[in-house]
Amino acid sequence: MRIYNKYIISLAVASCVINPLLAFFGQNDLVIYLAINLIAYLAITMLYVHLNSKARRALNTVSAVYFAIFLIVVISKVVAILFV
């Protein structure tokens, strides 16, 4: 099995485990789903650093966008807590 296939399968398995667990525990906030899935994506991507340089560059771009979205969510939550 190629490393790309392992990477995609790892992301799919993580998503298939995380989302039902959050639903089982009664989580209704979509921001929590987003944050946990982004953390899982970033952690799994860090584990697969052995991809070729072109794939790694593309994944770094996607990771930067996901991390920016995560920071926007965190900042908006902090601002909501501070100004309530």
Protein backbone atom coordinates (compact mmCIF):
# COMPACT_ATOMS: atom_id res chain seq x y z
CA MET A 1 0.00 0.00 0.00
CA ARG A 2 1.39 3.39 -0.95
CA ILE A 3 1.90 6.11 1.62
CA TYR A 4 -0.76 8.31 -0.03
CA ASN A 5 -3.34 5.59 0.43
CA LYS A 6 -2.36 5.14 4.07
CA TYR A 7 -2.66 8.90 4.58
CA ILE A 8 -6.14 9.08 3.06
CA ILE A 9 -7.29 5.99 4.96
CA SER A 10 -5.95 7.47 8.21
CA LEU A 11 -7.89 10.69 7.64
CA ALA A 12 -11.06 8.78 6.78
CA VAL A 13 -10.79 6.50 9.83
CA ALA A 14 -10.11 9.45 12.14
CA SER A 15 -13.13 11.29 10.76
CA CYS A 16 -15.31 8.19 11.04
CA VAL A 17 -14.29 7.73 14.68
CA ILE A 18 -14.31 11.34 15.86
CA ASN A 19 -17.65 12.51 14.46
CA PRO A 20 -19.82 9.64 15.76
CA LEU A 21 -18.12 9.90 19.16
CA LEU A 22 -18.94 13.59 19.37
CA ALA A 23 -22.52 12.88 18.32
CA PHE A 24 -22.76 10.05 20.87
CA PHE A 25 -21.67 12.38 23.66
CA GLY A 26 -24.35 14.89 22.63
CA GLN A 27 -22.15 17.61 21.22
CA ASN A 28 -24.30 20.10 19.29
CA ASP A 29 -21.76 22.86 18.66
CA LEU A 30 -20.39 22.69 15.12
CA VAL A 31 -17.34 24.70 16.16
CA ILE A 32 -16.27 21.80 18.36
CA TYR A 33 -16.60 19.42 15.42
CA LEU A 34 -14.53 21.77 13.27
CA ALA A 35 -11.83 22.26 15.89
CA ILE A 36 -11.39 18.59 16.73
CA ASN A 37 -11.40 17.53 13.08
CA LEU A 38 -8.83 20.20 12.26
CA ILE A 39 -6.60 19.09 15.10
CA ALA A 40 -6.88 15.49 13.91
CA TYR A 41 -6.10 16.55 10.34
CA LEU A 42 -3.03 18.51 11.40
CA ALA A 43 -1.77 15.70 13.65
CA ILE A 44 -2.18 13.04 10.95
CA THR A 45 -0.57 15.29 8.36
CA MET A 46 2.42 15.77 10.65
CA LEU A 47 2.78 11.99 10.92
CA TYR A 48 3.03 11.64 7.13
CA VAL A 49 5.96 13.96 6.48
CA HIS A 50 7.51 11.37 4.17
CA LEU A 51 5.38 12.45 1.22
CA ASN A 52 7.17 13.85 -1.80
CA SER A 53 7.94 17.55 -1.88
CA LYS A 54 5.14 18.52 -4.25
CA ALA A 55 2.51 16.73 -2.14
CA ARG A 56 4.00 18.13 1.07
CA ARG A 57 3.87 21.67 -0.33
CA ALA A 58 0.19 21.25 -1.26
CA LEU A 59 -0.62 19.79 2.15
CA ASN A 60 1.23 22.64 3.86
CA THR A 61 -0.95 25.11 1.98
CA VAL A 62 -4.12 23.27 3.01
CA SER A 63 -2.84 23.03 6.58
CA ALA A 64 -2.15 26.77 6.68
CA VAL A 65 -5.70 27.52 5.53
CA TYR A 66 -7.16 25.09 8.08
CA PHE A 67 -5.01 26.56 10.82
CA ALA A 68 -6.14 30.08 9.89
CA ILE A 69 -9.77 28.95 10.11
CA PHE A 70 -9.04 27.39 13.50
CA LEU A 71 -7.44 30.64 14.73
CA ILE A 72 -10.42 32.68 13.52
CA VAL A 73 -12.78 30.40 15.44
CA VAL A 74 -10.65 30.55 18.59
CA ILE A 75 -10.30 34.34 18.41
CA SER A 76 -14.04 34.78 17.89
CA LYS A 77 -14.75 32.59 20.93
CA VAL A 78 -12.25 34.52 23.07
CA VAL A 79 -13.74 37.84 21.99
CA ALA A 80 -17.24 36.53 22.77
CA ILE A 81 -16.09 35.47 26.24
CA LEU A 82 -14.28 38.75 26.97
CA PHE A 83 -17.08 41.06 25.87
CA VAL A 84 -20.06 39.27 27.41
